[in-house]
Amino acid sequence: QVQLVESGGGLVQPGGSLRLSCVASGNIFRINAMGWYRQAPGKQREPVATLTSGGSPNYADAVKGRFTISRDNSKNAVYLQMTTLKPEDTAVYYCNADLTYYSGDYVLRNDRWGQGTQVTVSS
């Protein structure tokens, strides 16, 4: 069974930094793309930063210049370095991966989501 596990959330003051980590495990053949999304209370889930298989990052306008996404293919991991955090960054952050994986005699491809990690920016 393929799963994603996030870590690194927490409470931080405005202007502070946090680093989120997400590791994919299971019978993975290839990770095609990975990214981070967030969902604030009462709002829809929105993309924050994504990395294609070719390594090109895409950022939401609200986080450009403050957040950096990176991957470690050897560890099936993706990271989100968040700096100059603002109260409006408060949300549950979810890791997402577009995976190709083995399931019995089959090779399948679909999205997987992590369980989410809470980020709270408050003084």
N, C-alpha and C. Protein backbone atom coordinates (compact mmCIF):
# COMPACT_ATOMS: atom_id res chain seq x y z
N GLN A 1 0.85 -1.18 0.00
CA GLN A 1 0.00 0.00 0.00
C GLN A 1 0.89 1.24 0.00
N VAL A 2 0.58 2.17 -0.87
CA VAL A 2 1.36 3.40 -0.95
C VAL A 2 0.77 4.43 0.00
N GLN A 3 1.63 5.12 0.72
CA GLN A 3 1.15 6.18 1.58
C GLN A 3 2.13 7.32 1.66
N LEU A 4 1.59 8.49 2.02
CA LEU A 4 2.40 9.69 2.21
C LEU A 4 2.28 10.11 3.67
N VAL A 5 3.41 10.44 4.26
CA VAL A 5 3.42 10.87 5.66
C VAL A 5 4.10 12.23 5.74
N GLU A 6 3.36 13.21 6.28
CA GLU A 6 3.91 14.57 6.43
C GLU A 6 4.38 14.79 7.86
N SER A 7 5.28 15.74 8.00
CA SER A 7 5.74 16.17 9.31
C SER A 7 6.25 17.60 9.21
N GLY A 8 6.40 18.24 10.37
CA GLY A 8 7.03 19.55 10.40
C GLY A 8 6.12 20.72 10.69
N GLY A 9 4.82 20.47 10.80
CA GLY A 9 3.92 21.58 11.11
C GLY A 9 4.07 22.04 12.55
N GLY A 10 3.35 23.12 12.88
CA GLY A 10 3.41 23.61 14.24
C GLY A 10 2.95 25.04 14.35
N LEU A 11 3.23 25.63 15.51
CA LEU A 11 2.88 27.02 15.80
C LEU A 11 4.13 27.88 15.65
N VAL A 12 4.00 28.96 14.91
CA VAL A 12 5.14 29.85 14.70
C VAL A 12 4.65 31.28 14.70
N GLN A 13 5.50 32.20 15.11
CA GLN A 13 5.14 33.62 15.13
C GLN A 13 5.24 34.21 13.72
N PRO A 14 4.50 35.26 13.46
CA PRO A 14 4.63 35.94 12.16
C PRO A 14 6.08 36.33 11.90
N GLY A 15 6.50 36.09 10.66
CA GLY A 15 7.88 36.34 10.28
C GLY A 15 8.79 35.14 10.47
N GLY A 16 8.28 34.10 11.11
CA GLY A 16 9.08 32.91 11.37
C GLY A 16 9.13 31.96 10.19
N SER A 17 9.79 30.82 10.43
CA SER A 17 9.98 29.82 9.37
C SER A 17 9.61 28.43 9.87
N LEU A 18 9.21 27.60 8.92
CA LEU A 18 8.96 26.19 9.18
C LEU A 18 9.37 25.40 7.94
N ARG A 19 9.71 24.14 8.16
CA ARG A 19 10.03 23.24 7.04
C ARG A 19 9.15 22.01 7.15
N LEU A 20 8.35 21.79 6.14
CA LEU A 20 7.50 20.62 6.06
C LEU A 20 8.19 19.53 5.26
N SER A 21 7.98 18.29 5.68
CA SER A 21 8.53 17.14 4.97
C SER A 21 7.41 16.17 4.64
N CYS A 22 7.57 15.46 3.55
CA CYS A 22 6.61 14.43 3.14
C CYS A 22 7.39 13.29 2.51
N VAL A 23 7.17 12.09 3.01
CA VAL A 23 7.84 10.91 2.49
C VAL A 23 6.82 9.92 1.97
N ALA A 24 7.03 9.45 0.77
CA ALA A 24 6.17 8.43 0.17
C ALA A 24 6.79 7.06 0.38
N SER A 25 5.95 6.08 0.73
CA SER A 25 6.46 4.73 0.94
C SER A 25 5.51 3.72 0.29
N GLY A 26 6.04 2.52 0.05
CA GLY A 26 5.24 1.46 -0.57
C GLY A 26 5.92 0.97 -1.83
N ASN A 27 5.16 0.24 -2.64
CA ASN A 27 5.71 -0.36 -3.87
C ASN A 27 5.69 0.66 -5.01
N ILE A 28 6.52 1.65 -4.88
CA ILE A 28 6.53 2.76 -5.82
C ILE A 28 7.45 2.46 -6.99
N PHE A 29 6.92 2.64 -8.19
CA PHE A 29 7.75 2.51 -9.39
C PHE A 29 8.34 3.86 -9.77
N ARG A 30 7.50 4.90 -9.73
CA ARG A 30 7.98 6.23 -10.10
C ARG A 30 7.06 7.29 -9.49
N ILE A 31 7.67 8.37 -9.03
CA ILE A 31 6.89 9.53 -8.59
C ILE A 31 6.92 10.54 -9.73
N ASN A 32 5.76 10.82 -10.29
CA ASN A 32 5.69 11.67 -11.47
C ASN A 32 5.70 13.15 -11.10
N ALA A 33 5.05 13.48 -10.02
CA ALA A 33 5.01 14.86 -9.56
C ALA A 33 4.66 14.86 -8.08
N MET A 34 5.11 15.86 -7.37
CA MET A 34 4.77 16.01 -5.95
C MET A 34 4.48 17.47 -5.67
N GLY A 35 3.69 17.70 -4.65
CA GLY A 35 3.37 19.08 -4.34
C GLY A 35 2.73 19.24 -2.98
N TRP A 36 2.52 20.49 -2.64
CA TRP A 36 1.89 20.86 -1.38
C TRP A 36 0.64 21.69 -1.65
N TYR A 37 -0.40 21.39 -0.88
CA TYR A 37 -1.65 22.11 -0.94
C TYR A 37 -2.01 22.52 0.49
N ARG A 38 -2.92 23.47 0.62
CA ARG A 38 -3.35 23.85 1.96
C ARG A 38 -4.84 24.16 1.96
N GLN A 39 -5.40 24.00 3.15
CA GLN A 39 -6.82 24.28 3.32
C GLN A 39 -7.01 25.02 4.64
N ALA A 40 -7.45 26.25 4.53
CA ALA A 40 -7.76 27.07 5.71
C ALA A 40 -9.21 26.83 6.11
N PRO A 41 -9.56 27.11 7.36
CA PRO A 41 -10.94 26.90 7.80
C PRO A 41 -11.94 27.67 6.94
N GLY A 42 -12.96 26.97 6.48
CA GLY A 42 -13.99 27.60 5.68
C GLY A 42 -13.62 27.85 4.24
N LYS A 43 -12.44 27.40 3.82
CA LYS A 43 -11.99 27.63 2.44
C LYS A 43 -11.72 26.31 1.74
N GLN A 44 -11.66 26.39 0.42
CA GLN A 44 -11.32 25.20 -0.36
C GLN A 44 -9.83 24.93 -0.33
N ARG A 45 -9.47 23.67 -0.55
CA ARG A 45 -8.07 23.32 -0.65
C ARG A 45 -7.47 23.98 -1.89
N GLU A 46 -6.28 24.53 -1.74
CA GLU A 46 -5.64 25.24 -2.84
C GLU A 46 -4.19 24.81 -2.99
N PRO A 47 -3.67 24.85 -4.21
CA PRO A 47 -2.26 24.50 -4.42
C PRO A 47 -1.35 25.57 -3.85
N VAL A 48 -0.26 25.15 -3.27
CA VAL A 48 0.75 26.06 -2.73
C VAL A 48 2.00 26.03 -3.59
N ALA A 49 2.52 24.83 -3.81
CA ALA A 49 3.74 24.66 -4.60
C ALA A 49 3.78 23.24 -5.14
N THR A 50 4.17 23.11 -6.40
CA THR A 50 4.24 21.79 -7.01
C THR A 50 5.54 21.65 -7.79
N LEU A 51 5.97 20.40 -7.93
CA LEU A 51 7.17 20.07 -8.69
C LEU A 51 6.81 18.99 -9.69
N THR A 52 7.07 19.25 -10.96
CA THR A 52 6.84 18.24 -11.97
C THR A 52 7.96 17.19 -11.93
N SER A 53 7.80 16.12 -12.69
CA SER A 53 8.84 15.09 -12.73
C SER A 53 10.13 15.65 -13.29
N GLY A 54 10.02 16.69 -14.12
CA GLY A 54 11.22 17.32 -14.67
C GLY A 54 11.87 18.29 -13.71
N GLY A 55 11.20 18.55 -12.58
CA GLY A 55 11.80 19.38 -11.55
C GLY A 55 11.44 20.84 -11.61
N SER A 56 10.50 21.23 -12.47
CA SER A 56 10.14 22.65 -12.56
C SER A 56 9.13 22.99 -11.48
N PRO A 57 9.45 23.99 -10.62
CA PRO A 57 8.52 24.35 -9.56
C PRO A 57 7.47 25.35 -10.02
N ASN A 58 6.30 25.24 -9.41
CA ASN A 58 5.24 26.23 -9.60
C ASN A 58 4.75 26.66 -8.22
N TYR A 59 4.56 27.95 -8.06
CA TYR A 59 4.14 28.49 -6.77
C TYR A 59 2.87 29.31 -6.91
N ALA A 60 2.05 29.26 -5.87
CA ALA A 60 0.92 30.18 -5.80
C ALA A 60 1.46 31.59 -5.63
N ASP A 61 0.77 32.56 -6.18
CA ASP A 61 1.24 33.95 -6.10
C ASP A 61 1.42 34.38 -4.65
N ALA A 62 0.58 33.87 -3.76
CA ALA A 62 0.63 34.31 -2.36
C ALA A 62 1.89 33.89 -1.63
N VAL A 63 2.61 32.90 -2.18
CA VAL A 63 3.79 32.39 -1.47
C VAL A 63 5.08 32.59 -2.25
N LYS A 64 5.01 33.13 -3.44
CA LYS A 64 6.22 33.33 -4.25
C LYS A 64 7.20 34.22 -3.51
N GLY A 65 8.46 33.79 -3.52
CA GLY A 65 9.50 34.53 -2.84
C GLY A 65 9.64 34.20 -1.38
N ARG A 66 8.68 33.46 -0.82
CA ARG A 66 8.74 33.11 0.61
C ARG A 66 8.86 31.61 0.83
N PHE A 67 8.26 30.82 -0.04
CA PHE A 67 8.28 29.36 0.10
C PHE A 67 9.15 28.75 -0.99
N THR A 68 9.80 27.64 -0.65
CA THR A 68 10.62 26.91 -1.62
C THR A 68 10.30 25.42 -1.52
N ILE A 69 9.97 24.82 -2.65
CA ILE A 69 9.71 23.39 -2.70
C ILE A 69 10.93 22.68 -3.26
N SER A 70 11.22 21.51 -2.71
CA SER A 70 12.36 20.72 -3.19
C SER A 70 12.04 19.23 -3.05
N ARG A 71 12.78 18.41 -3.78
CA ARG A 71 12.59 16.96 -3.74
C ARG A 71 13.91 16.26 -3.50
N ASP A 72 13.81 15.11 -2.86
CA ASP A 72 14.94 14.19 -2.74
C ASP A 72 14.45 12.87 -3.31
N ASN A 73 14.78 12.61 -4.57
CA ASN A 73 14.26 11.41 -5.24
C ASN A 73 14.76 10.13 -4.59
N SER A 74 15.94 10.18 -3.99
CA SER A 74 16.50 8.98 -3.36
C SER A 74 15.69 8.56 -2.14
N LYS A 75 14.96 9.52 -1.57
CA LYS A 75 14.17 9.25 -0.37
C LYS A 75 12.67 9.29 -0.64
N ASN A 76 12.29 9.49 -1.91
CA ASN A 76 10.86 9.67 -2.25
C ASN A 76 10.24 10.75 -1.37
N ALA A 77 10.95 11.85 -1.23
CA ALA A 77 10.53 12.90 -0.31
C ALA A 77 10.39 14.23 -1.02
N VAL A 78 9.49 15.05 -0.49
CA VAL A 78 9.34 16.42 -0.94
C VAL A 78 9.29 17.31 0.29
N TYR A 79 9.85 18.50 0.16
CA TYR A 79 9.95 19.42 1.28
C TYR A 79 9.36 20.77 0.91
N LEU A 80 8.91 21.49 1.92
CA LEU A 80 8.44 22.86 1.71
C LEU A 80 9.08 23.73 2.78
N GLN A 81 10.02 24.56 2.35
CA GLN A 81 10.64 25.52 3.26
C GLN A 81 9.82 26.79 3.22
N MET A 82 9.29 27.17 4.36
CA MET A 82 8.41 28.34 4.45
C MET A 82 9.09 29.41 5.30
N THR A 83 9.25 30.59 4.75
CA THR A 83 9.87 31.69 5.47
C THR A 83 8.92 32.89 5.46
N THR A 84 9.24 33.85 6.31
CA THR A 84 8.44 35.08 6.42
C THR A 84 6.95 34.73 6.49
N LEU A 85 6.63 33.82 7.39
CA LEU A 85 5.25 33.34 7.49
C LEU A 85 4.32 34.44 7.97
N LYS A 86 3.10 34.39 7.46
CA LYS A 86 2.07 35.37 7.77
C LYS A 86 0.87 34.66 8.39
N PRO A 87 0.06 35.37 9.16
CA PRO A 87 -1.13 34.73 9.73
C PRO A 87 -2.03 34.09 8.67
N GLU A 88 -2.07 34.67 7.48
CA GLU A 88 -2.91 34.11 6.42
C GLU A 88 -2.35 32.81 5.84
N ASP A 89 -1.16 32.41 6.26
CA ASP A 89 -0.62 31.11 5.86
C ASP A 89 -1.15 29.98 6.75
N THR A 90 -1.87 30.34 7.79
CA THR A 90 -2.44 29.34 8.69
C THR A 90 -3.40 28.43 7.95
N ALA A 91 -3.14 27.14 8.03
CA ALA A 91 -3.95 26.15 7.31
C ALA A 91 -3.45 24.75 7.65
N VAL A 92 -4.20 23.76 7.21
CA VAL A 92 -3.70 22.39 7.18
C VAL A 92 -3.01 22.20 5.84
N TYR A 93 -1.78 21.77 5.88
CA TYR A 93 -0.99 21.57 4.67
C TYR A 93 -0.96 20.09 4.32
N TYR A 94 -1.26 19.81 3.06
CA TYR A 94 -1.33 18.43 2.57
C TYR A 94 -0.28 18.20 1.50
N CYS A 95 0.34 17.07 1.59
CA CYS A 95 1.25 16.61 0.54
C CYS A 95 0.46 15.80 -0.48
N ASN A 96 0.82 15.97 -1.74
CA ASN A 96 0.18 15.21 -2.82
C ASN A 96 1.25 14.65 -3.74
N ALA A 97 1.01 13.43 -4.21
CA ALA A 97 1.96 12.82 -5.15
C ALA A 97 1.21 12.10 -6.26
N ASP A 98 1.66 12.32 -7.46
CA ASP A 98 1.19 11.58 -8.63
C ASP A 98 2.14 10.39 -8.79
N LEU A 99 1.65 9.20 -8.46
CA LEU A 99 2.51 8.03 -8.34
C LEU A 99 2.18 6.96 -9.36
N THR A 100 3.22 6.26 -9.81
CA THR A 100 3.07 5.00 -10.53
C THR A 100 3.59 3.92 -9.59
N TYR A 101 2.75 2.92 -9.32
CA TYR A 101 3.14 1.94 -8.30
C TYR A 101 2.65 0.55 -8.68
N TYR A 102 3.23 -0.44 -8.01
CA TYR A 102 2.86 -1.83 -8.23
C TYR A 102 1.71 -2.22 -7.30
N SER A 103 0.75 -2.92 -7.86
CA SER A 103 -0.35 -3.45 -7.06
C SER A 103 -0.63 -4.86 -7.57
N GLY A 104 -0.08 -5.87 -6.87
CA GLY A 104 -0.19 -7.24 -7.35
C GLY A 104 0.53 -7.37 -8.69
N ASP A 105 -0.19 -7.84 -9.70
CA ASP A 105 0.39 -8.03 -11.02
C ASP A 105 0.27 -6.78 -11.89
N TYR A 106 -0.25 -5.70 -11.31
CA TYR A 106 -0.55 -4.52 -12.09
C TYR A 106 0.38 -3.37 -11.75
N VAL A 107 0.50 -2.47 -12.70
CA VAL A 107 1.16 -1.18 -12.47
C VAL A 107 0.11 -0.11 -12.63
N LEU A 108 -0.11 0.65 -11.58
CA LEU A 108 -1.18 1.64 -11.55
C LEU A 108 -0.60 3.03 -11.38
N ARG A 109 -1.43 4.01 -11.76
CA ARG A 109 -1.01 5.40 -11.57
C ARG A 109 -2.20 6.19 -11.05
N ASN A 110 -2.02 6.88 -9.94
CA ASN A 110 -3.01 7.84 -9.48
C ASN A 110 -2.42 8.74 -8.40
N ASP A 111 -3.27 9.62 -7.88
CA ASP A 111 -2.85 10.56 -6.86
C ASP A 111 -2.97 9.95 -5.47
N ARG A 112 -2.08 10.36 -4.61
CA ARG A 112 -2.18 10.03 -3.19
C ARG A 112 -2.05 11.32 -2.38
N TRP A 113 -2.76 11.36 -1.25
CA TRP A 113 -2.70 12.50 -0.34
C TRP A 113 -2.19 12.06 1.01
N GLY A 114 -1.45 12.93 1.66
CA GLY A 114 -1.07 12.70 3.03
C GLY A 114 -2.21 13.06 3.97
N GLN A 115 -1.98 12.86 5.26
CA GLN A 115 -3.03 13.09 6.25
C GLN A 115 -3.15 14.56 6.63
N GLY A 116 -2.18 15.35 6.26
CA GLY A 116 -2.20 16.78 6.58
C GLY A 116 -1.44 17.11 7.85
N THR A 117 -0.86 18.30 7.87
CA THR A 117 -0.17 18.79 9.05
C THR A 117 -0.57 20.24 9.27
N GLN A 118 -0.87 20.57 10.51
CA GLN A 118 -1.37 21.91 10.84
C GLN A 118 -0.22 22.91 10.94
N VAL A 119 -0.39 24.03 10.27
CA VAL A 119 0.53 25.16 10.40
C VAL A 119 -0.28 26.34 10.92
N THR A 120 0.14 26.88 12.06
CA THR A 120 -0.54 28.02 12.66
C THR A 120 0.46 29.16 12.84
N VAL A 121 0.14 30.30 12.25
CA VAL A 121 1.01 31.48 12.35
C VAL A 121 0.29 32.51 13.20
N SER A 122 0.80 32.72 14.40
CA SER A 122 0.12 33.61 15.33
C SER A 122 1.10 34.10 16.39
N SER A 123 0.86 35.32 16.84
CA SER A 123 1.68 35.86 17.92
C SER A 123 1.02 35.60 19.27
